[in-house]
N, C-alpha and C. Protein backbone atom coordinates (compact mmCIF):
# COMPACT_ATOMS: atom_id res chain seq x y z
N MET A 1 84.93 98.97 164.54
CA MET A 1 85.23 98.48 163.21
C MET A 1 84.05 98.75 162.27
N ASN A 2 84.35 98.74 161.02
CA ASN A 2 83.34 98.98 160.02
C ASN A 2 82.44 97.74 159.90
N THR A 3 81.13 97.96 159.87
CA THR A 3 80.19 96.85 159.80
C THR A 3 80.33 96.08 158.50
N ALA A 4 80.52 96.78 157.39
CA ALA A 4 80.66 96.11 156.10
C ALA A 4 81.92 95.24 156.09
N TYR A 5 82.99 95.72 156.70
CA TYR A 5 84.22 94.94 156.77
C TYR A 5 84.01 93.66 157.58
N LEU A 6 83.32 93.79 158.72
CA LEU A 6 83.05 92.62 159.54
C LEU A 6 82.17 91.61 158.79
N TYR A 7 81.18 92.12 158.07
CA TYR A 7 80.31 91.22 157.32
C TYR A 7 81.10 90.53 156.21
N TRP A 8 82.00 91.25 155.55
CA TRP A 8 82.83 90.64 154.52
C TRP A 8 83.72 89.55 155.12
N ARG A 9 84.26 89.79 156.28
CA ARG A 9 85.08 88.78 156.96
C ARG A 9 84.24 87.55 157.32
N TYR A 10 83.00 87.79 157.72
CA TYR A 10 82.08 86.70 158.02
C TYR A 10 81.80 85.86 156.78
N ILE A 11 81.58 86.50 155.64
CA ILE A 11 81.35 85.79 154.38
C ILE A 11 82.58 84.98 154.01
N ALA A 12 83.76 85.57 154.16
CA ALA A 12 85.00 84.87 153.84
C ALA A 12 85.18 83.65 154.74
N ALA A 13 84.90 83.79 156.03
CA ALA A 13 85.02 82.66 156.95
C ALA A 13 84.00 81.57 156.62
N SER A 14 82.80 81.97 156.23
CA SER A 14 81.78 81.00 155.86
C SER A 14 82.19 80.24 154.61
N PHE A 15 82.72 80.95 153.63
CA PHE A 15 83.18 80.31 152.39
C PHE A 15 84.34 79.35 152.68
N LYS A 16 85.25 79.78 153.55
CA LYS A 16 86.39 78.94 153.90
C LYS A 16 85.93 77.67 154.60
N SER A 17 84.93 77.78 155.47
CA SER A 17 84.43 76.59 156.16
C SER A 17 83.69 75.67 155.21
N GLN A 18 83.00 76.23 154.21
CA GLN A 18 82.32 75.38 153.22
C GLN A 18 83.32 74.66 152.33
N MET A 19 84.46 75.26 152.12
CA MET A 19 85.47 74.64 151.26
C MET A 19 86.23 73.52 151.97
N GLN A 20 85.94 73.28 153.23
CA GLN A 20 86.54 72.15 153.91
C GLN A 20 86.04 70.83 153.30
N TYR A 21 84.83 70.87 152.77
CA TYR A 21 84.23 69.71 152.11
C TYR A 21 83.96 70.09 150.66
N LYS A 22 84.99 70.00 149.83
CA LYS A 22 84.92 70.50 148.46
C LYS A 22 83.91 69.75 147.61
N ILE A 23 83.85 68.45 147.73
CA ILE A 23 82.92 67.65 146.93
C ILE A 23 81.48 68.01 147.29
N SER A 24 81.20 68.16 148.57
CA SER A 24 79.86 68.56 149.00
C SER A 24 79.50 69.93 148.44
N PHE A 25 80.45 70.85 148.46
CA PHE A 25 80.23 72.20 147.93
C PHE A 25 79.93 72.14 146.44
N LEU A 26 80.71 71.36 145.69
CA LEU A 26 80.50 71.25 144.24
C LEU A 26 79.17 70.56 143.93
N LEU A 27 78.83 69.53 144.67
CA LEU A 27 77.55 68.86 144.45
C LEU A 27 76.37 69.78 144.77
N GLN A 28 76.53 70.63 145.77
CA GLN A 28 75.48 71.58 146.09
C GLN A 28 75.31 72.59 144.96
N ILE A 29 76.40 73.06 144.39
CA ILE A 29 76.32 73.99 143.26
C ILE A 29 75.66 73.32 142.06
N VAL A 30 76.07 72.09 141.77
CA VAL A 30 75.48 71.37 140.64
C VAL A 30 73.99 71.14 140.87
N GLY A 31 73.62 70.80 142.08
CA GLY A 31 72.20 70.60 142.40
C GLY A 31 71.38 71.84 142.22
N HIS A 32 71.90 72.97 142.67
CA HIS A 32 71.17 74.23 142.51
C HIS A 32 71.06 74.61 141.04
N LEU A 33 72.14 74.44 140.29
CA LEU A 33 72.08 74.75 138.86
C LEU A 33 71.10 73.83 138.13
N PHE A 34 71.11 72.55 138.49
CA PHE A 34 70.20 71.60 137.86
C PHE A 34 68.74 71.94 138.18
N GLY A 35 68.47 72.27 139.43
CA GLY A 35 67.10 72.65 139.82
C GLY A 35 66.63 73.90 139.11
N THR A 36 67.51 74.89 139.00
CA THR A 36 67.16 76.12 138.30
C THR A 36 66.93 75.86 136.82
N ALA A 37 67.77 75.01 136.22
CA ALA A 37 67.60 74.68 134.80
C ALA A 37 66.28 73.97 134.56
N ILE A 38 65.89 73.06 135.44
CA ILE A 38 64.61 72.36 135.28
C ILE A 38 63.44 73.34 135.40
N GLU A 39 63.52 74.24 136.37
CA GLU A 39 62.45 75.23 136.52
C GLU A 39 62.34 76.12 135.28
N PHE A 40 63.49 76.57 134.77
CA PHE A 40 63.44 77.43 133.59
C PHE A 40 63.01 76.65 132.36
N PHE A 41 63.33 75.36 132.29
CA PHE A 41 62.86 74.52 131.19
C PHE A 41 61.34 74.44 131.20
N GLY A 42 60.75 74.37 132.39
CA GLY A 42 59.29 74.38 132.50
C GLY A 42 58.69 75.67 131.98
N ILE A 43 59.32 76.79 132.31
CA ILE A 43 58.85 78.09 131.80
C ILE A 43 59.01 78.14 130.28
N TRP A 44 60.14 77.65 129.78
CA TRP A 44 60.37 77.64 128.32
C TRP A 44 59.33 76.76 127.62
N ALA A 45 59.03 75.60 128.19
CA ALA A 45 58.03 74.71 127.58
C ALA A 45 56.67 75.38 127.53
N LEU A 46 56.34 76.12 128.56
CA LEU A 46 55.07 76.84 128.57
C LEU A 46 55.03 77.90 127.48
N PHE A 47 56.13 78.63 127.33
CA PHE A 47 56.17 79.69 126.34
C PHE A 47 56.40 79.16 124.93
N SER A 48 56.87 77.94 124.78
CA SER A 48 56.99 77.39 123.43
C SER A 48 55.60 77.03 122.89
N ARG A 49 54.68 76.71 123.79
CA ARG A 49 53.30 76.42 123.38
C ARG A 49 52.52 77.71 123.19
N PHE A 50 52.66 78.65 124.10
CA PHE A 50 51.98 79.95 124.03
C PHE A 50 53.06 81.01 123.94
N THR A 51 53.11 81.77 122.85
CA THR A 51 54.20 82.73 122.67
C THR A 51 54.11 83.89 123.66
N GLN A 52 52.89 84.24 124.05
CA GLN A 52 52.71 85.30 125.04
C GLN A 52 51.66 84.85 126.04
N ILE A 53 51.87 85.19 127.28
CA ILE A 53 50.89 84.92 128.31
C ILE A 53 50.54 86.25 128.96
N ASP A 54 49.34 86.71 128.68
CA ASP A 54 48.85 88.00 129.19
C ASP A 54 49.80 89.15 128.85
N GLY A 55 50.41 89.07 127.66
CA GLY A 55 51.30 90.13 127.20
C GLY A 55 52.75 89.96 127.61
N TRP A 56 53.07 88.96 128.40
CA TRP A 56 54.45 88.71 128.84
C TRP A 56 55.13 87.76 127.86
N THR A 57 56.38 88.07 127.51
CA THR A 57 57.16 87.20 126.64
C THR A 57 58.14 86.37 127.48
N LEU A 58 58.77 85.41 126.83
CA LEU A 58 59.73 84.56 127.54
C LEU A 58 60.91 85.37 128.07
N ALA A 59 61.37 86.36 127.31
CA ALA A 59 62.51 87.17 127.75
C ALA A 59 62.16 87.96 129.01
N GLU A 60 60.97 88.52 129.07
CA GLU A 60 60.57 89.30 130.25
C GLU A 60 60.41 88.41 131.47
N VAL A 61 59.78 87.27 131.28
CA VAL A 61 59.59 86.35 132.41
C VAL A 61 60.94 85.79 132.85
N GLY A 62 61.83 85.50 131.89
CA GLY A 62 63.16 85.02 132.23
C GLY A 62 63.96 86.04 133.03
N LEU A 63 63.83 87.32 132.66
CA LEU A 63 64.51 88.38 133.41
C LEU A 63 64.01 88.44 134.85
N PHE A 64 62.70 88.41 135.02
CA PHE A 64 62.15 88.45 136.37
C PHE A 64 62.50 87.19 137.16
N TYR A 65 62.52 86.05 136.49
CA TYR A 65 62.89 84.80 137.14
C TYR A 65 64.32 84.88 137.67
N GLY A 66 65.21 85.40 136.84
CA GLY A 66 66.60 85.56 137.28
C GLY A 66 66.74 86.53 138.43
N LEU A 67 66.04 87.67 138.35
CA LEU A 67 66.10 88.66 139.43
C LEU A 67 65.58 88.09 140.74
N ILE A 68 64.50 87.34 140.66
CA ILE A 68 63.92 86.74 141.87
C ILE A 68 64.88 85.72 142.47
N ASN A 69 65.53 84.91 141.62
CA ASN A 69 66.48 83.92 142.13
C ASN A 69 67.68 84.59 142.79
N VAL A 70 68.18 85.67 142.20
CA VAL A 70 69.33 86.38 142.79
C VAL A 70 68.92 87.02 144.11
N ALA A 71 67.74 87.65 144.15
CA ALA A 71 67.28 88.28 145.38
C ALA A 71 67.06 87.24 146.48
N PHE A 72 66.51 86.08 146.12
CA PHE A 72 66.30 85.03 147.11
C PHE A 72 67.63 84.49 147.63
N ALA A 73 68.61 84.34 146.73
CA ALA A 73 69.92 83.84 147.16
C ALA A 73 70.59 84.83 148.11
N CYS A 74 70.50 86.12 147.81
CA CYS A 74 71.08 87.14 148.70
C CYS A 74 70.39 87.15 150.06
N ALA A 75 69.07 87.08 150.05
CA ALA A 75 68.33 87.08 151.32
C ALA A 75 68.61 85.81 152.11
N ASP A 76 68.73 84.69 151.42
CA ASP A 76 69.02 83.44 152.10
C ASP A 76 70.42 83.47 152.71
N GLY A 77 71.39 84.00 151.96
CA GLY A 77 72.75 84.08 152.47
C GLY A 77 72.88 85.05 153.63
N ALA A 78 72.14 86.16 153.57
CA ALA A 78 72.24 87.18 154.62
C ALA A 78 71.42 86.82 155.84
N GLY A 79 70.29 86.17 155.63
CA GLY A 79 69.37 85.96 156.73
C GLY A 79 69.41 84.60 157.37
N LYS A 80 70.12 83.66 156.80
CA LYS A 80 70.11 82.31 157.33
C LYS A 80 70.67 82.27 158.75
N ARG A 81 71.75 82.97 159.00
CA ARG A 81 72.35 82.95 160.34
C ARG A 81 71.44 83.63 161.36
N ILE A 82 70.74 84.66 160.93
CA ILE A 82 69.83 85.35 161.84
C ILE A 82 68.70 84.41 162.23
N LEU A 83 68.17 83.66 161.25
CA LEU A 83 67.08 82.74 161.55
C LEU A 83 67.54 81.61 162.47
N ILE A 84 68.77 81.15 162.29
CA ILE A 84 69.29 80.10 163.16
C ILE A 84 69.40 80.61 164.59
N CYS A 85 69.88 81.84 164.76
CA CYS A 85 69.99 82.41 166.11
C CYS A 85 68.61 82.59 166.74
N LEU A 86 67.63 83.03 165.95
CA LEU A 86 66.28 83.19 166.48
C LEU A 86 65.68 81.84 166.86
N ALA A 87 65.96 80.81 166.07
CA ALA A 87 65.44 79.48 166.38
C ALA A 87 66.04 78.96 167.67
N LYS A 88 67.35 79.19 167.88
CA LYS A 88 67.99 78.74 169.12
C LYS A 88 67.39 79.48 170.32
N LEU A 89 67.12 80.78 170.16
CA LEU A 89 66.51 81.55 171.23
C LEU A 89 65.11 81.02 171.53
N PHE A 90 64.36 80.71 170.48
CA PHE A 90 63.01 80.18 170.64
C PHE A 90 63.03 78.84 171.39
N VAL A 91 63.98 77.98 171.07
CA VAL A 91 64.09 76.70 171.75
C VAL A 91 64.45 76.91 173.22
N MET A 92 65.31 77.88 173.51
CA MET A 92 65.65 78.16 174.91
C MET A 92 64.43 78.63 175.67
N VAL A 93 63.62 79.50 175.07
CA VAL A 93 62.42 80.00 175.75
C VAL A 93 61.45 78.86 176.01
N ILE A 94 61.28 77.98 175.03
CA ILE A 94 60.39 76.83 175.22
C ILE A 94 60.92 75.91 176.32
N SER A 95 62.23 75.70 176.36
CA SER A 95 62.81 74.84 177.40
C SER A 95 62.58 75.42 178.78
N ILE A 96 62.77 76.72 178.91
CA ILE A 96 62.55 77.37 180.20
C ILE A 96 61.08 77.29 180.58
N ASP A 97 60.20 77.50 179.60
CA ASP A 97 58.77 77.44 179.87
C ASP A 97 58.36 76.03 180.29
N CYS A 98 58.91 75.02 179.62
CA CYS A 98 58.59 73.63 179.98
C CYS A 98 59.06 73.31 181.39
N CYS A 99 60.21 73.83 181.79
CA CYS A 99 60.70 73.59 183.15
C CYS A 99 59.77 74.21 184.17
N CYS A 100 59.29 75.41 183.88
CA CYS A 100 58.38 76.08 184.81
C CYS A 100 57.07 75.31 184.93
N VAL A 101 56.55 74.85 183.80
CA VAL A 101 55.30 74.09 183.83
C VAL A 101 55.50 72.77 184.54
N ARG A 102 56.60 72.09 184.29
CA ARG A 102 56.86 70.80 184.92
C ARG A 102 56.98 70.98 186.44
N ASP A 103 57.64 72.03 186.89
CA ASP A 103 57.78 72.25 188.32
C ASP A 103 56.43 72.52 188.97
N ARG A 104 55.61 73.31 188.28
CA ARG A 104 54.27 73.57 188.83
C ARG A 104 53.47 72.29 188.94
N LEU A 105 53.53 71.46 187.91
CA LEU A 105 52.80 70.18 187.95
C LEU A 105 53.33 69.29 189.07
N PHE A 106 54.64 69.28 189.25
CA PHE A 106 55.24 68.46 190.30
C PHE A 106 54.79 68.93 191.68
N TYR A 107 54.83 70.25 191.91
CA TYR A 107 54.44 70.76 193.22
C TYR A 107 52.95 70.60 193.46
N SER A 108 52.14 70.74 192.42
CA SER A 108 50.71 70.54 192.61
C SER A 108 50.40 69.07 192.91
N PHE A 109 51.20 68.15 192.31
CA PHE A 109 51.04 66.73 192.60
C PHE A 109 51.41 66.44 194.06
N LEU A 110 52.46 67.09 194.56
CA LEU A 110 52.86 66.88 195.96
C LEU A 110 51.79 67.41 196.93
N GLU A 111 51.15 68.52 196.57
CA GLU A 111 50.13 69.08 197.43
C GLU A 111 48.91 68.18 197.50
N LEU A 112 48.61 67.45 196.41
CA LEU A 112 47.45 66.59 196.41
C LEU A 112 47.64 65.36 197.29
N ASN A 113 48.88 64.90 197.42
CA ASN A 113 49.14 63.69 198.21
C ASN A 113 49.41 63.99 199.63
């Protein structure tokens, strides 16, 4: 199968699962919009006091701010599942390592007695 098609199906399934809790989804959207608005208000307040900062205007900084937010959202959406899988693998490795260490400690304790 086509990788892009599978990824699109994955996005659709993720969206469908998020829509199981519509109020939570809407509150999350409102929260993100509110946080972004507050951050941009801080930038606007800074530029209302100083019209230029090192040659940068509010429009240029606003453009970069928007691009960075979009890039972060795309990376977060694409990479979140990968990070969760890596975290689960890391926990499994630690669990196996702890079992090995615990067994060694147990056997060394038996040898001492």
